[in-house]
């Protein structure tokens, strides 16, 4: 019957997949635009006449002090303060721009490429369940798993190297870890999850082929 739950379930699932596809597509477009904006900022940073608004972001100077007068509630005292600075040296502008590009671009690609493959997967879901649960989806999920695990570790290493080089050029007695480089942990876990989902779907497809072969 048209009003039964079994009749409305496929259309509801299809509508949910379309909304998810639209959401992921929007996130991908916004991510690409944000990356292009940062790329333009790095081009400006490479110019010796760059504005003071642009610099190498996310560095932690080891010797810096800041006044917290008027910033804390009564009775509160600061136990430890970590200063994150954006630094600029016009004498090394092109080198700083290249290092800054290495610090963020690989990580951005690690996020954008899985989004692109998720958009492809959900586009198959809009086409139908048979297209969604396919070998192509398994392959895309494995690509997502690989880029999130191996790619995030490589991006973290480049981020660490770039920030270390920039910190040693522009600060005195730079920290061993000169910036926030712990972000790959979540990406690696998500990558492992993508591998697991790919394995489940792949085994399901293999079982379906065996069942269809015996009928």
N, C-alpha and C. Protein backbone atom coordinates (compact mmCIF):
# COMPACT_ATOMS: atom_id res chain seq x y z
N UNK A 1 0.84 -1.20 0.00
CA UNK A 1 0.00 0.00 0.00
C UNK A 1 0.87 1.24 0.00
N UNK A 2 0.40 2.37 -0.63
CA UNK A 2 1.23 3.56 -0.70
C UNK A 2 1.55 4.15 0.65
N UNK A 3 0.64 3.99 1.64
CA UNK A 3 0.88 4.61 2.93
C UNK A 3 1.65 3.75 3.90
N UNK A 4 2.03 2.54 3.49
CA UNK A 4 2.73 1.63 4.40
C UNK A 4 4.16 2.05 4.59
N UNK A 5 4.80 1.69 5.73
CA UNK A 5 6.20 2.05 5.99
C UNK A 5 7.14 1.47 4.97
N UNK A 6 6.82 0.23 4.48
CA UNK A 6 7.73 -0.39 3.51
C UNK A 6 7.73 0.34 2.19
N UNK A 7 6.62 1.03 1.86
CA UNK A 7 6.55 1.76 0.61
C UNK A 7 7.25 3.09 0.69
N UNK A 8 7.22 3.71 1.87
CA UNK A 8 7.81 5.03 2.01
C UNK A 8 9.28 4.98 2.37
N UNK A 9 9.76 3.82 2.86
CA UNK A 9 11.14 3.74 3.30
C UNK A 9 12.14 4.03 2.19
N UNK A 10 12.00 3.45 0.96
CA UNK A 10 12.99 3.74 -0.08
C UNK A 10 13.08 5.20 -0.43
N UNK A 11 11.91 5.89 -0.54
CA UNK A 11 11.94 7.30 -0.88
C UNK A 11 12.58 8.12 0.24
N UNK A 12 12.32 7.72 1.50
CA UNK A 12 12.93 8.45 2.62
C UNK A 12 14.44 8.28 2.62
N UNK A 13 14.90 7.05 2.35
CA UNK A 13 16.34 6.81 2.28
C UNK A 13 16.95 7.59 1.13
N UNK A 14 16.26 7.62 -0.03
CA UNK A 14 16.76 8.37 -1.17
C UNK A 14 16.86 9.85 -0.88
N UNK A 15 15.87 10.40 -0.19
CA UNK A 15 15.90 11.82 0.17
C UNK A 15 17.05 12.12 1.13
N UNK A 16 17.27 11.21 2.08
CA UNK A 16 18.37 11.40 3.03
C UNK A 16 19.71 11.36 2.30
N UNK A 17 19.86 10.45 1.33
CA UNK A 17 21.10 10.36 0.56
C UNK A 17 21.32 11.61 -0.27
N UNK A 18 20.26 12.14 -0.85
CA UNK A 18 20.39 13.37 -1.64
C UNK A 18 20.81 14.54 -0.76
N UNK A 19 20.23 14.61 0.44
CA UNK A 19 20.62 15.70 1.35
C UNK A 19 22.08 15.54 1.78
N UNK A 20 22.50 14.32 2.06
CA UNK A 20 23.89 14.08 2.44
C UNK A 20 24.82 14.43 1.28
N UNK A 21 24.43 14.07 0.07
CA UNK A 21 25.24 14.39 -1.11
C UNK A 21 25.37 15.91 -1.27
N UNK A 22 24.27 16.63 -1.08
CA UNK A 22 24.32 18.09 -1.19
C UNK A 22 25.20 18.69 -0.10
N UNK A 23 25.11 18.14 1.12
CA UNK A 23 25.93 18.65 2.22
C UNK A 23 27.42 18.42 1.96
N UNK A 24 27.77 17.23 1.50
CA UNK A 24 29.18 16.93 1.22
C UNK A 24 29.70 17.76 0.05
N UNK A 25 28.87 17.96 -0.97
CA UNK A 25 29.28 18.79 -2.10
C UNK A 25 29.53 20.22 -1.66
N UNK A 26 28.65 20.74 -0.81
CA UNK A 26 28.84 22.09 -0.29
C UNK A 26 30.13 22.19 0.52
N UNK A 27 30.38 21.18 1.36
CA UNK A 27 31.61 21.18 2.16
C UNK A 27 32.84 21.13 1.26
N UNK A 28 32.78 20.35 0.18
CA UNK A 28 33.91 20.25 -0.74
C UNK A 28 34.17 21.59 -1.43
N UNK A 29 33.11 22.24 -1.90
CA UNK A 29 33.27 23.54 -2.57
C UNK A 29 33.84 24.57 -1.60
N UNK A 30 33.30 24.61 -0.38
CA UNK A 30 33.81 25.57 0.61
C UNK A 30 35.25 25.27 0.97
N UNK A 31 35.60 23.98 1.07
CA UNK A 31 36.99 23.62 1.37
C UNK A 31 37.94 24.04 0.27
N UNK A 32 37.53 23.86 -0.98
CA UNK A 32 38.38 24.29 -2.10
C UNK A 32 38.55 25.80 -2.10
N UNK A 33 37.46 26.53 -1.85
CA UNK A 33 37.55 27.99 -1.81
C UNK A 33 38.45 28.46 -0.67
N UNK A 34 38.34 27.81 0.50
CA UNK A 34 39.19 28.18 1.62
C UNK A 34 40.66 27.90 1.31
N UNK A 35 40.93 26.79 0.64
CA UNK A 35 42.32 26.47 0.28
C UNK A 35 42.86 27.46 -0.74
N UNK A 36 42.03 27.86 -1.69
CA UNK A 36 42.47 28.87 -2.66
C UNK A 36 42.77 30.20 -1.98
N UNK A 37 41.95 30.53 -0.97
CA UNK A 37 42.20 31.77 -0.22
C UNK A 37 43.54 31.72 0.50
N UNK A 38 43.84 30.59 1.13
CA UNK A 38 45.14 30.45 1.81
C UNK A 38 46.29 30.44 0.81
N UNK A 39 46.04 29.87 -0.36
CA UNK A 39 47.08 29.85 -1.39
C UNK A 39 47.40 31.27 -1.85
N UNK A 40 46.36 32.08 -2.03
CA UNK A 40 46.58 33.48 -2.40
C UNK A 40 47.33 34.21 -1.29
N UNK A 41 46.99 33.91 -0.04
CA UNK A 41 47.70 34.54 1.08
C UNK A 41 49.18 34.17 1.08
N UNK A 42 49.50 32.94 0.70
CA UNK A 42 50.91 32.54 0.63
C UNK A 42 51.63 33.24 -0.52
N UNK A 43 50.92 33.48 -1.61
CA UNK A 43 51.52 34.24 -2.72
C UNK A 43 51.84 35.65 -2.25
N UNK A 44 50.92 36.25 -1.51
CA UNK A 44 51.17 37.59 -0.97
C UNK A 44 52.31 37.56 0.03
N UNK A 45 52.37 36.49 0.84
CA UNK A 45 53.44 36.35 1.83
C UNK A 45 54.80 36.27 1.17
N UNK A 46 54.86 35.72 -0.05
CA UNK A 46 56.14 35.57 -0.75
C UNK A 46 56.70 36.91 -1.22
N UNK A 47 55.86 37.94 -1.25
CA UNK A 47 56.32 39.25 -1.72
C UNK A 47 57.04 39.98 -0.59
N UNK A 48 58.21 40.54 -0.85
CA UNK A 48 58.93 41.29 0.20
C UNK A 48 58.15 42.49 0.72
N UNK A 49 57.20 42.98 -0.07
CA UNK A 49 56.41 44.14 0.33
C UNK A 49 55.05 43.73 0.89
N UNK A 50 54.97 42.52 1.45
CA UNK A 50 53.69 42.01 1.95
C UNK A 50 53.17 42.88 3.09
N UNK A 51 51.84 42.88 3.22
CA UNK A 51 51.23 43.63 4.31
C UNK A 51 51.53 42.95 5.65
N UNK A 52 51.40 43.71 6.71
CA UNK A 52 51.69 43.18 8.04
C UNK A 52 50.67 42.12 8.47
N UNK A 53 49.53 42.03 7.75
CA UNK A 53 48.51 41.06 8.12
C UNK A 53 48.91 39.63 7.78
N UNK A 54 49.91 39.45 6.94
CA UNK A 54 50.29 38.12 6.47
C UNK A 54 51.61 37.70 7.10
N UNK A 55 51.69 36.41 7.45
CA UNK A 55 52.91 35.88 8.04
C UNK A 55 52.80 34.38 8.20
N UNK A 56 53.82 33.78 8.79
CA UNK A 56 53.83 32.34 9.06
C UNK A 56 53.03 32.10 10.33
N UNK A 57 51.91 31.41 10.21
CA UNK A 57 50.98 31.25 11.32
C UNK A 57 51.30 30.01 12.15
N UNK A 58 50.82 30.01 13.40
CA UNK A 58 50.86 28.81 14.24
C UNK A 58 52.19 28.50 14.89
N UNK A 59 53.07 29.49 15.06
CA UNK A 59 54.37 29.24 15.70
C UNK A 59 54.29 29.57 17.19
N UNK A 60 55.07 28.84 17.99
CA UNK A 60 55.10 29.05 19.44
C UNK A 60 56.48 29.57 19.85
N UNK A 61 56.64 30.86 20.06
CA UNK A 61 57.94 31.37 20.55
C UNK A 61 58.21 30.84 21.96
N UNK A 62 59.46 30.46 22.21
CA UNK A 62 59.81 29.90 23.52
C UNK A 62 60.03 30.99 24.56
N UNK A 63 60.40 32.17 24.13
CA UNK A 63 60.63 33.29 25.07
C UNK A 63 59.69 34.42 24.69
N UNK A 64 58.56 34.48 25.38
CA UNK A 64 57.58 35.53 25.11
C UNK A 64 56.74 35.72 26.36
N UNK A 65 56.31 36.93 26.58
CA UNK A 65 55.48 37.23 27.74
C UNK A 65 54.29 38.06 27.29
N UNK A 66 53.19 37.86 27.98
CA UNK A 66 51.98 38.60 27.66
C UNK A 66 51.28 38.94 28.97
N UNK A 67 50.73 40.12 29.03
CA UNK A 67 50.03 40.55 30.24
C UNK A 67 48.59 40.07 30.19
N UNK A 68 48.15 39.47 31.30
CA UNK A 68 46.77 39.00 31.41
C UNK A 68 45.95 39.90 32.32
N UNK A 69 46.45 41.09 32.60
CA UNK A 69 45.72 42.02 33.44
C UNK A 69 44.38 42.37 32.79
N UNK A 70 43.32 42.19 33.56
CA UNK A 70 42.00 42.50 33.06
C UNK A 70 41.38 41.40 32.23
N UNK A 71 42.10 40.31 32.00
CA UNK A 71 41.58 39.22 31.17
C UNK A 71 41.07 38.05 31.99
N UNK A 72 41.41 37.99 33.29
CA UNK A 72 41.02 36.86 34.13
C UNK A 72 40.01 37.30 35.18
N UNK A 73 39.15 36.36 35.56
CA UNK A 73 38.17 36.63 36.60
C UNK A 73 38.88 36.75 37.95
N UNK A 74 38.28 37.42 38.92
CA UNK A 74 38.89 37.56 40.25
C UNK A 74 39.19 36.20 40.87
N UNK A 75 40.37 36.05 41.43
CA UNK A 75 40.78 34.81 42.07
C UNK A 75 41.41 33.80 41.14
N UNK A 76 41.42 34.06 39.85
CA UNK A 76 41.98 33.13 38.87
C UNK A 76 43.42 33.53 38.57
N UNK A 77 44.31 32.55 38.53
CA UNK A 77 45.69 32.82 38.15
C UNK A 77 46.10 31.90 37.01
N UNK A 78 46.96 32.39 36.17
CA UNK A 78 47.44 31.61 35.02
C UNK A 78 48.55 30.68 35.47
N UNK A 79 48.37 29.39 35.26
CA UNK A 79 49.38 28.40 35.59
C UNK A 79 50.41 28.28 34.47
N UNK A 80 49.93 28.30 33.25
CA UNK A 80 50.83 28.20 32.10
C UNK A 80 50.19 28.95 30.93
N UNK A 81 50.99 29.62 30.17
CA UNK A 81 50.51 30.38 29.02
C UNK A 81 51.34 30.00 27.81
N UNK A 82 50.68 29.62 26.74
CA UNK A 82 51.35 29.30 25.48
C UNK A 82 50.91 30.33 24.44
N UNK A 83 51.87 31.00 23.86
CA UNK A 83 51.59 32.04 22.88
C UNK A 83 51.75 31.47 21.48
N UNK A 84 50.72 31.62 20.66
CA UNK A 84 50.80 31.24 19.25
C UNK A 84 50.95 32.52 18.43
N UNK A 85 52.00 32.60 17.66
CA UNK A 85 52.33 33.84 16.97
C UNK A 85 52.30 33.65 15.46
N UNK A 86 52.01 34.74 14.77
CA UNK A 86 52.16 34.83 13.31
C UNK A 86 53.34 35.74 13.04
N UNK A 87 54.40 35.18 12.48
CA UNK A 87 55.66 35.90 12.33
C UNK A 87 55.99 36.12 10.85
N UNK A 88 56.72 37.20 10.60
CA UNK A 88 57.06 37.56 9.22
C UNK A 88 58.45 38.16 9.18
N UNK A 89 59.24 37.74 8.20
CA UNK A 89 60.58 38.28 7.98
C UNK A 89 60.70 38.63 6.51
N UNK A 90 60.69 39.92 6.17
CA UNK A 90 60.74 40.30 4.74
C UNK A 90 62.00 39.83 4.05
N UNK A 91 63.08 39.62 4.80
CA UNK A 91 64.33 39.17 4.17
C UNK A 91 64.23 37.73 3.68
N UNK A 92 63.31 36.95 4.27
CA UNK A 92 63.15 35.55 3.87
C UNK A 92 61.73 35.28 3.38
N UNK A 93 61.10 36.26 2.79
CA UNK A 93 59.69 36.14 2.42
C UNK A 93 59.40 34.96 1.49
N UNK A 94 60.12 34.77 0.38
CA UNK A 94 59.80 33.62 -0.50
C UNK A 94 59.98 32.27 0.20
N UNK A 95 61.04 32.13 1.00
CA UNK A 95 61.27 30.88 1.70
C UNK A 95 60.18 30.62 2.73
N UNK A 96 59.79 31.66 3.45
CA UNK A 96 58.72 31.51 4.44
C UNK A 96 57.41 31.10 3.78
N UNK A 97 57.12 31.68 2.62
CA UNK A 97 55.89 31.33 1.91
C UNK A 97 55.91 29.87 1.49
N UNK A 98 57.06 29.40 1.01
CA UNK A 98 57.17 27.99 0.61
C UNK A 98 57.02 27.06 1.81
N UNK A 99 57.64 27.42 2.94
CA UNK A 99 57.51 26.60 4.15
C UNK A 99 56.07 26.60 4.66
N UNK A 100 55.43 27.77 4.61
CA UNK A 100 54.05 27.86 5.07
C UNK A 100 53.13 27.01 4.20
N UNK A 101 53.42 26.97 2.90
CA UNK A 101 52.64 26.14 1.99
C UNK A 101 52.78 24.66 2.36
N UNK A 102 54.01 24.24 2.69
CA UNK A 102 54.23 22.85 3.11
C UNK A 102 53.53 22.54 4.43
N UNK A 103 53.36 23.57 5.26
CA UNK A 103 52.77 23.35 6.58
C UNK A 103 51.27 23.05 6.51
N UNK A 104 50.56 23.64 5.53
CA UNK A 104 49.11 23.47 5.53
C UNK A 104 48.54 22.77 4.30
N UNK A 105 49.19 22.89 3.13
CA UNK A 105 48.59 22.35 1.90
C UNK A 105 48.44 20.82 1.92
N UNK A 106 49.46 20.04 2.35
CA UNK A 106 49.25 18.59 2.40
C UNK A 106 48.09 18.18 3.30
N UNK A 107 47.96 18.85 4.45
CA UNK A 107 46.84 18.55 5.33
C UNK A 107 45.50 18.90 4.71
N UNK A 108 45.46 20.01 3.96
CA UNK A 108 44.22 20.38 3.27
C UNK A 108 43.85 19.33 2.23
N UNK A 109 44.84 18.84 1.49
CA UNK A 109 44.57 17.79 0.50
C UNK A 109 44.08 16.51 1.16
N UNK A 110 44.61 16.21 2.34
CA UNK A 110 44.17 15.01 3.07
C UNK A 110 42.69 15.12 3.43
N UNK A 111 42.19 16.32 3.65
CA UNK A 111 40.78 16.51 3.94
C UNK A 111 39.93 16.61 2.68
N UNK A 112 40.45 17.26 1.64
CA UNK A 112 39.65 17.50 0.43
C UNK A 112 39.47 16.24 -0.42
N UNK A 113 40.52 15.44 -0.54
CA UNK A 113 40.41 14.24 -1.38
C UNK A 113 39.38 13.25 -0.84
N UNK A 114 39.37 12.94 0.47
CA UNK A 114 38.28 12.08 0.97
C UNK A 114 36.90 12.68 0.76
N UNK A 115 36.78 14.01 0.90
CA UNK A 115 35.50 14.65 0.63
C UNK A 115 35.07 14.42 -0.82
N UNK A 116 36.03 14.54 -1.74
CA UNK A 116 35.73 14.31 -3.16
C UNK A 116 35.23 12.89 -3.39
N UNK A 117 35.90 11.91 -2.78
CA UNK A 117 35.47 10.52 -2.96
C UNK A 117 34.14 10.24 -2.27
N UNK A 118 33.88 10.91 -1.14
CA UNK A 118 32.58 10.76 -0.49
C UNK A 118 31.46 11.33 -1.36
N UNK A 119 31.74 12.43 -2.05
CA UNK A 119 30.76 12.99 -2.98
C UNK A 119 30.47 11.98 -4.09
N UNK A 120 31.50 11.31 -4.59
CA UNK A 120 31.30 10.29 -5.62
C UNK A 120 30.46 9.13 -5.09
N UNK A 121 30.75 8.72 -3.86
CA UNK A 121 30.00 7.60 -3.27
C UNK A 121 28.53 7.96 -3.10
N UNK A 122 28.26 9.14 -2.56
CA UNK A 122 26.86 9.53 -2.34
C UNK A 122 26.14 9.80 -3.66
N UNK A 123 26.87 10.19 -4.70
CA UNK A 123 26.23 10.34 -6.02
C UNK A 123 25.73 8.99 -6.53
N UNK A 124 26.48 7.92 -6.23
CA UNK A 124 25.99 6.58 -6.57
C UNK A 124 24.77 6.22 -5.73
N UNK A 125 24.78 6.66 -4.46
CA UNK A 125 23.63 6.40 -3.61
C UNK A 125 22.37 7.06 -4.13
N UNK A 126 22.51 8.24 -4.73
CA UNK A 126 21.36 8.91 -5.33
C UNK A 126 20.85 8.10 -6.52
N UNK A 127 21.78 7.47 -7.27
CA UNK A 127 21.39 6.67 -8.43
C UNK A 127 20.67 5.40 -8.03
N UNK A 128 21.02 4.83 -6.87
CA UNK A 128 20.35 3.61 -6.44
C UNK A 128 21.24 2.78 -5.54
N UNK A 129 20.61 1.83 -4.82
CA UNK A 129 21.36 1.01 -3.88
C UNK A 129 22.37 0.11 -4.58
N UNK A 130 22.00 -0.40 -5.75
CA UNK A 130 22.91 -1.30 -6.45
C UNK A 130 24.19 -0.57 -6.86
N UNK A 131 24.05 0.69 -7.26
CA UNK A 131 25.23 1.49 -7.62
C UNK A 131 26.04 1.87 -6.39
N UNK A 132 25.34 2.09 -5.26
CA UNK A 132 26.03 2.48 -4.03
C UNK A 132 26.87 1.33 -3.49
N UNK A 133 26.26 0.16 -3.36
CA UNK A 133 26.99 -1.00 -2.84
C UNK A 133 27.63 -1.75 -4.01
N UNK A 134 28.75 -1.22 -4.45
CA UNK A 134 29.42 -1.75 -5.64
C UNK A 134 30.92 -1.80 -5.41
N UNK A 135 31.61 -2.42 -6.35
CA UNK A 135 33.08 -2.49 -6.26
C UNK A 135 33.71 -1.11 -6.35
N UNK A 136 33.07 -0.19 -7.09
CA UNK A 136 33.61 1.17 -7.18
C UNK A 136 33.58 1.86 -5.82
N UNK A 137 32.51 1.65 -5.07
CA UNK A 137 32.43 2.23 -3.73
C UNK A 137 33.49 1.64 -2.81
N UNK A 138 33.70 0.35 -2.89
CA UNK A 138 34.75 -0.29 -2.09
C UNK A 138 36.11 0.30 -2.43
N UNK A 139 36.37 0.52 -3.71
CA UNK A 139 37.65 1.09 -4.12
C UNK A 139 37.81 2.52 -3.60
N UNK A 140 36.73 3.31 -3.67
CA UNK A 140 36.80 4.69 -3.16
C UNK A 140 37.02 4.71 -1.65
N UNK A 141 36.37 3.80 -0.93
CA UNK A 141 36.56 3.74 0.52
C UNK A 141 37.99 3.36 0.88
N UNK A 142 38.58 2.46 0.10
CA UNK A 142 39.97 2.11 0.35
C UNK A 142 40.90 3.28 0.05
N UNK A 143 40.57 4.05 -0.97
CA UNK A 143 41.35 5.26 -1.24
C UNK A 143 41.25 6.24 -0.09
N UNK A 144 40.03 6.40 0.44
CA UNK A 144 39.84 7.29 1.59
C UNK A 144 40.67 6.79 2.78
N UNK A 145 40.62 5.50 3.03
CA UNK A 145 41.40 4.94 4.13
C UNK A 145 42.89 5.18 3.96
N UNK A 146 43.39 5.01 2.74
CA UNK A 146 44.82 5.19 2.50
C UNK A 146 45.24 6.64 2.68
N UNK A 147 44.44 7.57 2.14
CA UNK A 147 44.84 8.98 2.22
C UNK A 147 44.72 9.49 3.66
N UNK A 148 43.74 8.98 4.42
CA UNK A 148 43.58 9.44 5.80
C UNK A 148 44.64 8.86 6.73
N UNK A 149 45.10 7.66 6.46
CA UNK A 149 46.12 7.06 7.33
C UNK A 149 47.53 7.47 6.90
N UNK A 150 47.92 7.05 5.71
CA UNK A 150 49.28 7.36 5.24
C UNK A 150 49.43 8.84 4.90
N UNK A 151 48.43 9.41 4.23
CA UNK A 151 48.52 10.81 3.83
C UNK A 151 48.59 11.76 5.01
N UNK A 152 47.80 11.49 6.06
CA UNK A 152 47.81 12.38 7.21
C UNK A 152 49.15 12.32 7.94
N UNK A 153 49.76 11.13 8.00
CA UNK A 153 51.07 11.02 8.64
C UNK A 153 52.13 11.77 7.84
N UNK A 154 52.08 11.65 6.51
CA UNK A 154 53.02 12.39 5.67
C UNK A 154 52.81 13.89 5.80
N UNK A 155 51.54 14.32 5.84
CA UNK A 155 51.24 15.74 5.99
C UNK A 155 51.73 16.27 7.34
N UNK A 156 51.57 15.45 8.39
CA UNK A 156 52.05 15.85 9.71
C UNK A 156 53.56 16.00 9.72
N UNK A 157 54.27 15.09 9.04
CA UNK A 157 55.73 15.18 8.99
C UNK A 157 56.18 16.44 8.26
N UNK A 158 55.51 16.77 7.16
CA UNK A 158 55.85 17.99 6.42
C UNK A 158 55.52 19.23 7.25
N UNK A 159 54.39 19.20 7.95
CA UNK A 159 54.00 20.31 8.82
C UNK A 159 55.05 20.53 9.90
N UNK A 160 55.47 19.43 10.53
CA UNK A 160 56.48 19.51 11.59
C UNK A 160 57.79 20.07 11.05
N UNK A 161 58.23 19.56 9.88
CA UNK A 161 59.50 20.02 9.31
C UNK A 161 59.43 21.50 8.93
N UNK A 162 58.32 21.91 8.33
CA UNK A 162 58.19 23.30 7.90
C UNK A 162 58.15 24.25 9.09
N UNK A 163 57.38 23.89 10.13
CA UNK A 163 57.29 24.75 11.31
C UNK A 163 58.61 24.78 12.07
N UNK A 164 59.31 23.66 12.11
CA UNK A 164 60.61 23.64 12.78
C UNK A 164 61.59 24.56 12.07
N UNK A 165 61.63 24.48 10.74
CA UNK A 165 62.54 25.34 9.98
C UNK A 165 62.19 26.81 10.15
N UNK A 166 60.89 27.14 10.09
CA UNK A 166 60.48 28.53 10.24
C UNK A 166 60.76 29.05 11.65
N UNK A 167 60.50 28.21 12.66
CA UNK A 167 60.74 28.63 14.04
C UNK A 167 62.23 28.87 14.30
N UNK A 168 63.09 28.04 13.74
CA UNK A 168 64.53 28.22 13.95
C UNK A 168 65.06 29.44 13.21
N UNK A 169 64.38 29.85 12.15
CA UNK A 169 64.80 31.04 11.42
C UNK A 169 64.36 32.32 12.12
N UNK A 170 63.20 32.28 12.81
CA UNK A 170 62.61 33.53 13.29
C UNK A 170 62.50 33.63 14.80
N UNK A 171 62.81 32.57 15.54
CA UNK A 171 62.75 32.64 17.00
C UNK A 171 64.06 32.15 17.60
N UNK A 172 64.25 32.47 18.87
CA UNK A 172 65.46 32.07 19.60
C UNK A 172 65.11 30.88 20.49
N UNK A 173 65.99 29.86 20.46
CA UNK A 173 65.77 28.65 21.26
C UNK A 173 64.38 28.08 21.01
N UNK A 174 64.11 27.76 19.76
CA UNK A 174 62.78 27.28 19.38
C UNK A 174 62.45 25.97 20.07
N UNK A 175 61.15 25.75 20.31
CA UNK A 175 60.69 24.49 20.89
C UNK A 175 61.02 23.32 19.96
N UNK A 176 61.18 22.14 20.57
CA UNK A 176 61.38 20.94 19.76
C UNK A 176 60.16 20.69 18.88
N UNK A 177 58.98 20.89 19.44
CA UNK A 177 57.74 20.84 18.66
C UNK A 177 57.21 22.27 18.59
N UNK A 178 57.44 22.98 17.48
CA UNK A 178 57.18 24.41 17.43
C UNK A 178 55.73 24.78 17.14
N UNK A 179 54.84 23.82 17.00
CA UNK A 179 53.45 24.15 16.70
C UNK A 179 52.56 22.95 16.93
N UNK A 180 51.28 23.09 16.62
CA UNK A 180 50.30 22.03 16.83
C UNK A 180 50.42 21.00 15.71
N UNK A 181 50.92 19.82 16.03
CA UNK A 181 51.10 18.78 15.02
C UNK A 181 50.45 17.46 15.45
N UNK A 182 49.43 17.52 16.31
CA UNK A 182 48.81 16.28 16.79
C UNK A 182 47.49 15.97 16.09
N UNK A 183 47.16 16.72 15.03
CA UNK A 183 45.88 16.52 14.37
C UNK A 183 45.74 15.19 13.63
N UNK A 184 46.80 14.50 13.18
CA UNK A 184 46.59 13.29 12.38
C UNK A 184 45.93 12.14 13.14
N UNK A 185 45.88 12.18 14.47
CA UNK A 185 45.34 11.05 15.22
C UNK A 185 43.91 10.74 14.81
N UNK A 186 43.07 11.77 14.76
CA UNK A 186 41.67 11.57 14.37
C UNK A 186 41.58 11.09 12.93
N UNK A 187 42.41 11.68 12.05
CA UNK A 187 42.39 11.28 10.64
C UNK A 187 42.77 9.82 10.47
N UNK A 188 43.77 9.36 11.21
CA UNK A 188 44.18 7.95 11.12
C UNK A 188 43.04 7.03 11.57
N UNK A 189 42.37 7.38 12.66
CA UNK A 189 41.25 6.57 13.13
C UNK A 189 40.12 6.54 12.11
N UNK A 190 39.84 7.68 11.49
CA UNK A 190 38.81 7.72 10.45
C UNK A 190 39.22 6.87 9.24
N UNK A 191 40.52 6.90 8.91
CA UNK A 191 41.00 6.09 7.81
C UNK A 191 40.84 4.60 8.08
N UNK A 192 41.15 4.19 9.30
CA UNK A 192 40.95 2.78 9.68
C UNK A 192 39.47 2.41 9.57
N UNK A 193 38.60 3.34 9.99
CA UNK A 193 37.16 3.09 9.86
C UNK A 193 36.74 2.92 8.41
N UNK A 194 37.32 3.72 7.52
CA UNK A 194 37.00 3.59 6.09
C UNK A 194 37.43 2.23 5.56
N UNK A 195 38.61 1.76 5.98
CA UNK A 195 39.06 0.42 5.57
C UNK A 195 38.09 -0.66 6.06
N UNK A 196 37.60 -0.51 7.30
CA UNK A 196 36.68 -1.50 7.86
C UNK A 196 35.38 -1.53 7.06
N UNK A 197 34.82 -0.34 6.77
CA UNK A 197 33.57 -0.29 5.99
C UNK A 197 33.78 -0.88 4.60
N UNK A 198 34.92 -0.58 3.98
CA UNK A 198 35.22 -1.14 2.66
C UNK A 198 35.29 -2.66 2.71
N UNK A 199 35.89 -3.20 3.77
CA UNK A 199 36.00 -4.65 3.90
C UNK A 199 34.63 -5.28 4.09
N UNK A 200 33.78 -4.64 4.89
CA UNK A 200 32.43 -5.18 5.13
C UNK A 200 31.63 -5.20 3.83
N UNK A 201 31.66 -4.08 3.10
CA UNK A 201 30.91 -4.02 1.84
C UNK A 201 31.48 -5.00 0.82
N UNK A 202 32.82 -5.09 0.77
CA UNK A 202 33.44 -6.02 -0.17
C UNK A 202 33.05 -7.46 0.10
N UNK A 203 33.03 -7.85 1.37
CA UNK A 203 32.63 -9.23 1.70
C UNK A 203 31.15 -9.45 1.43
N UNK A 204 30.35 -8.42 1.67
CA UNK A 204 28.93 -8.53 1.35
C UNK A 204 28.69 -8.73 -0.14
N UNK A 205 29.44 -8.01 -0.96
CA UNK A 205 29.32 -8.18 -2.41
C UNK A 205 29.75 -9.57 -2.84
N UNK A 206 30.83 -10.08 -2.22
CA UNK A 206 31.30 -11.43 -2.56
C UNK A 206 30.24 -12.47 -2.19
N UNK A 207 29.61 -12.32 -1.02
CA UNK A 207 28.56 -13.25 -0.62
C UNK A 207 27.36 -13.16 -1.55
N UNK A 208 27.02 -11.93 -1.97
CA UNK A 208 25.90 -11.76 -2.90
C UNK A 208 26.17 -12.44 -4.23
N UNK A 209 27.41 -12.32 -4.71
CA UNK A 209 27.77 -12.99 -5.97
C UNK A 209 27.66 -14.50 -5.83
N UNK A 210 28.08 -15.04 -4.66
CA UNK A 210 27.99 -16.48 -4.45
C UNK A 210 26.54 -16.95 -4.40
N UNK A 211 25.69 -16.15 -3.74
CA UNK A 211 24.27 -16.52 -3.65
C UNK A 211 23.62 -16.48 -5.02
N UNK A 212 23.90 -15.41 -5.78
CA UNK A 212 23.32 -15.30 -7.11
C UNK A 212 23.83 -16.40 -8.03
N UNK A 213 25.08 -16.86 -7.78
CA UNK A 213 25.63 -17.92 -8.62
C UNK A 213 25.00 -19.28 -8.36
N UNK A 214 24.46 -19.46 -7.14
CA UNK A 214 23.85 -20.75 -6.80
C UNK A 214 22.37 -20.81 -7.14
N UNK A 215 21.79 -19.65 -7.48
CA UNK A 215 20.35 -19.63 -7.81
C UNK A 215 20.15 -20.00 -9.29
